[in-house]
Amino acid sequence: MATLTETTKKPKHHSSSPKRKTAAYKRKFAKVMREAYKGRLHSGKSGKKVTSAAQAKAIAHSEAMKAGKKKN
């Protein structure tokens, strides 16, 4: 007879390795983060200066994803 904890255990899944970042992604991310730390990064439509590190990282990731797209 199985105990309650043995029957409700979830199966273990192996996590896949994270996606590799392209060289273009890394370059663009670094460039945008440099702009942020020097105080020259502005947000999209409003054009306001970005002061939050989290917002700067999000913008850098977004722009780098566009730059790092692999062409098939």
N, C-alpha and C. Protein backbone atom coordinates (compact mmCIF):
# COMPACT_ATOMS: atom_id res chain seq x y z
N MET A 1 0.83 -1.18 0.00
CA MET A 1 0.00 0.00 0.00
C MET A 1 0.89 1.25 0.00
N ALA A 2 0.67 2.15 -0.96
CA ALA A 2 1.47 3.36 -1.10
C ALA A 2 0.96 4.45 -0.17
N THR A 3 1.90 5.23 0.34
CA THR A 3 1.50 6.34 1.20
C THR A 3 1.04 7.50 0.33
N LEU A 4 0.42 8.47 0.95
CA LEU A 4 -0.12 9.61 0.23
C LEU A 4 0.97 10.42 -0.46
N THR A 5 2.11 10.59 0.18
CA THR A 5 3.17 11.40 -0.41
C THR A 5 3.80 10.71 -1.62
N GLU A 6 3.84 9.40 -1.62
CA GLU A 6 4.44 8.69 -2.75
C GLU A 6 3.56 8.78 -3.99
N THR A 7 2.26 8.83 -3.82
CA THR A 7 1.37 8.86 -4.98
C THR A 7 1.19 10.26 -5.55
N THR A 8 1.47 11.30 -4.76
CA THR A 8 1.26 12.67 -5.24
C THR A 8 2.53 13.34 -5.73
N LYS A 9 3.63 12.63 -5.75
CA LYS A 9 4.89 13.23 -6.22
C LYS A 9 4.79 13.50 -7.71
N LYS A 10 5.32 14.66 -8.10
CA LYS A 10 5.34 15.02 -9.51
C LYS A 10 6.56 14.37 -10.17
N PRO A 11 6.43 13.99 -11.43
CA PRO A 11 7.59 13.41 -12.11
C PRO A 11 8.68 14.46 -12.30
N LYS A 12 9.93 14.02 -12.23
CA LYS A 12 11.04 14.95 -12.42
C LYS A 12 11.27 15.18 -13.91
N HIS A 13 11.41 16.41 -14.25
CA HIS A 13 11.69 16.77 -15.64
C HIS A 13 13.09 17.36 -15.71
N HIS A 14 13.80 16.99 -16.71
CA HIS A 14 15.13 17.56 -16.90
C HIS A 14 14.98 18.89 -17.59
N SER A 15 15.58 19.91 -17.03
CA SER A 15 15.48 21.22 -17.65
C SER A 15 16.44 21.27 -18.83
N SER A 16 15.99 21.89 -19.88
CA SER A 16 16.85 22.02 -21.06
C SER A 16 17.85 23.14 -20.80
N SER A 17 18.94 23.11 -21.52
CA SER A 17 19.96 24.14 -21.32
C SER A 17 19.41 25.47 -21.85
N PRO A 18 19.84 26.58 -21.26
CA PRO A 18 19.34 27.88 -21.70
C PRO A 18 19.80 28.19 -23.12
N LYS A 19 19.03 29.01 -23.81
CA LYS A 19 19.40 29.36 -25.17
C LYS A 19 20.69 30.16 -25.17
N ARG A 20 21.51 29.92 -26.15
CA ARG A 20 22.75 30.67 -26.27
C ARG A 20 22.46 32.03 -26.87
N LYS A 21 23.15 33.04 -26.39
CA LYS A 21 22.99 34.39 -26.91
C LYS A 21 23.97 34.57 -28.07
N THR A 22 23.51 35.23 -29.12
CA THR A 22 24.37 35.49 -30.27
C THR A 22 25.34 36.62 -29.94
N ALA A 23 26.36 36.75 -30.75
CA ALA A 23 27.34 37.81 -30.55
C ALA A 23 26.68 39.17 -30.72
N ALA A 24 25.75 39.29 -31.66
CA ALA A 24 25.06 40.55 -31.89
C ALA A 24 24.23 40.93 -30.66
N TYR A 25 23.60 39.94 -30.04
CA TYR A 25 22.81 40.17 -28.82
C TYR A 25 23.71 40.73 -27.73
N LYS A 26 24.86 40.09 -27.53
CA LYS A 26 25.76 40.50 -26.46
C LYS A 26 26.28 41.92 -26.68
N ARG A 27 26.64 42.23 -27.94
CA ARG A 27 27.15 43.57 -28.25
C ARG A 27 26.10 44.63 -27.99
N LYS A 28 24.87 44.39 -28.47
CA LYS A 28 23.79 45.37 -28.33
C LYS A 28 23.43 45.56 -26.87
N PHE A 29 23.35 44.46 -26.12
CA PHE A 29 23.00 44.53 -24.70
C PHE A 29 24.03 45.39 -23.96
N ALA A 30 25.31 45.13 -24.23
CA ALA A 30 26.38 45.88 -23.57
C ALA A 30 26.31 47.36 -23.93
N LYS A 31 26.03 47.66 -25.20
CA LYS A 31 25.96 49.05 -25.66
C LYS A 31 24.84 49.80 -24.96
N VAL A 32 23.67 49.18 -24.88
CA VAL A 32 22.52 49.84 -24.26
C VAL A 32 22.74 50.02 -22.76
N MET A 33 23.34 49.03 -22.11
CA MET A 33 23.60 49.16 -20.67
C MET A 33 24.65 50.25 -20.40
N ARG A 34 25.62 50.41 -21.30
CA ARG A 34 26.59 51.50 -21.18
C ARG A 34 25.89 52.85 -21.25
N GLU A 35 24.93 52.97 -22.20
CA GLU A 35 24.15 54.20 -22.33
C GLU A 35 23.40 54.49 -21.03
N ALA A 36 22.85 53.45 -20.44
CA ALA A 36 22.06 53.62 -19.21
C ALA A 36 22.94 54.13 -18.07
N TYR A 37 24.10 53.53 -17.91
CA TYR A 37 24.97 53.92 -16.80
C TYR A 37 25.57 55.31 -17.00
N LYS A 38 25.69 55.74 -18.25
CA LYS A 38 26.19 57.09 -18.51
C LYS A 38 25.06 58.12 -18.50
N GLY A 39 23.81 57.64 -18.35
CA GLY A 39 22.68 58.55 -18.25
C GLY A 39 22.14 59.02 -19.59
N ARG A 40 22.42 58.30 -20.65
CA ARG A 40 21.98 58.70 -21.98
C ARG A 40 20.87 57.83 -22.55
N LEU A 41 20.35 56.89 -21.77
CA LEU A 41 19.31 55.99 -22.25
C LEU A 41 17.93 56.62 -22.04
N HIS A 42 17.15 56.65 -23.10
CA HIS A 42 15.80 57.21 -23.04
C HIS A 42 14.80 56.13 -23.42
N SER A 43 13.59 56.24 -22.84
CA SER A 43 12.56 55.26 -23.14
C SER A 43 11.94 55.57 -24.51
N GLY A 44 11.16 54.63 -25.00
CA GLY A 44 10.61 54.68 -26.35
C GLY A 44 9.88 55.93 -26.77
N LYS A 45 8.55 55.92 -26.69
CA LYS A 45 7.74 57.02 -27.22
C LYS A 45 7.91 58.32 -26.44
N SER A 46 7.88 58.23 -25.11
CA SER A 46 7.91 59.45 -24.30
C SER A 46 9.27 60.13 -24.36
N GLY A 47 10.32 59.37 -24.53
CA GLY A 47 11.66 59.94 -24.61
C GLY A 47 12.23 60.35 -23.27
N LYS A 48 11.57 59.94 -22.18
CA LYS A 48 12.07 60.28 -20.85
C LYS A 48 13.34 59.50 -20.55
N LYS A 49 14.20 60.09 -19.73
CA LYS A 49 15.44 59.45 -19.35
C LYS A 49 15.14 58.28 -18.41
N VAL A 50 15.79 57.16 -18.63
CA VAL A 50 15.59 55.97 -17.81
C VAL A 50 16.47 56.08 -16.57
N THR A 51 15.85 55.95 -15.38
CA THR A 51 16.61 56.04 -14.13
C THR A 51 16.68 54.70 -13.42
N SER A 52 15.74 53.81 -13.69
CA SER A 52 15.69 52.52 -13.02
C SER A 52 16.60 51.51 -13.72
N ALA A 53 17.39 50.80 -12.92
CA ALA A 53 18.29 49.78 -13.47
C ALA A 53 17.49 48.64 -14.09
N ALA A 54 16.36 48.29 -13.46
CA ALA A 54 15.52 47.21 -13.98
C ALA A 54 14.92 47.59 -15.33
N GLN A 55 14.49 48.85 -15.46
CA GLN A 55 13.92 49.31 -16.73
C GLN A 55 15.00 49.34 -17.81
N ALA A 56 16.20 49.75 -17.44
CA ALA A 56 17.31 49.78 -18.40
C ALA A 56 17.63 48.38 -18.90
N LYS A 57 17.60 47.42 -17.99
CA LYS A 57 17.88 46.03 -18.36
C LYS A 57 16.80 45.50 -19.29
N ALA A 58 15.55 45.85 -19.03
CA ALA A 58 14.44 45.41 -19.88
C ALA A 58 14.56 45.99 -21.28
N ILE A 59 14.90 47.26 -21.37
CA ILE A 59 15.08 47.91 -22.68
C ILE A 59 16.26 47.27 -23.42
N ALA A 60 17.35 47.04 -22.70
CA ALA A 60 18.54 46.43 -23.32
C ALA A 60 18.21 45.05 -23.85
N HIS A 61 17.47 44.26 -23.07
CA HIS A 61 17.09 42.92 -23.50
C HIS A 61 16.21 42.98 -24.74
N SER A 62 15.25 43.89 -24.74
CA SER A 62 14.33 44.02 -25.87
C SER A 62 15.07 44.40 -27.16
N GLU A 63 15.94 45.41 -27.05
CA GLU A 63 16.68 45.85 -28.24
C GLU A 63 17.67 44.78 -28.70
N ALA A 64 18.27 44.09 -27.75
CA ALA A 64 19.26 43.07 -28.09
C ALA A 64 18.58 41.87 -28.76
N MET A 65 17.35 41.55 -28.34
CA MET A 65 16.62 40.45 -28.97
C MET A 65 16.37 40.77 -30.45
N LYS A 66 16.05 42.02 -30.74
CA LYS A 66 15.82 42.41 -32.13
C LYS A 66 17.13 42.33 -32.93
N ALA A 67 18.22 42.77 -32.32
CA ALA A 67 19.52 42.77 -32.99
C ALA A 67 20.08 41.37 -33.15
N GLY A 68 19.77 40.50 -32.21
CA GLY A 68 20.37 39.17 -32.20
C GLY A 68 19.57 38.11 -32.91
N LYS A 69 18.51 38.47 -33.62
CA LYS A 69 17.70 37.49 -34.33
C LYS A 69 18.56 36.77 -35.36
N LYS A 70 18.46 35.46 -35.34
CA LYS A 70 19.20 34.66 -36.32
C LYS A 70 18.40 34.60 -37.61
N LYS A 71 19.07 34.80 -38.69
CA LYS A 71 18.41 34.75 -39.99
C LYS A 71 18.54 33.34 -40.56
N ASN A 72 17.42 32.77 -40.97
CA ASN A 72 17.44 31.41 -41.53
C ASN A 72 17.69 31.41 -43.01
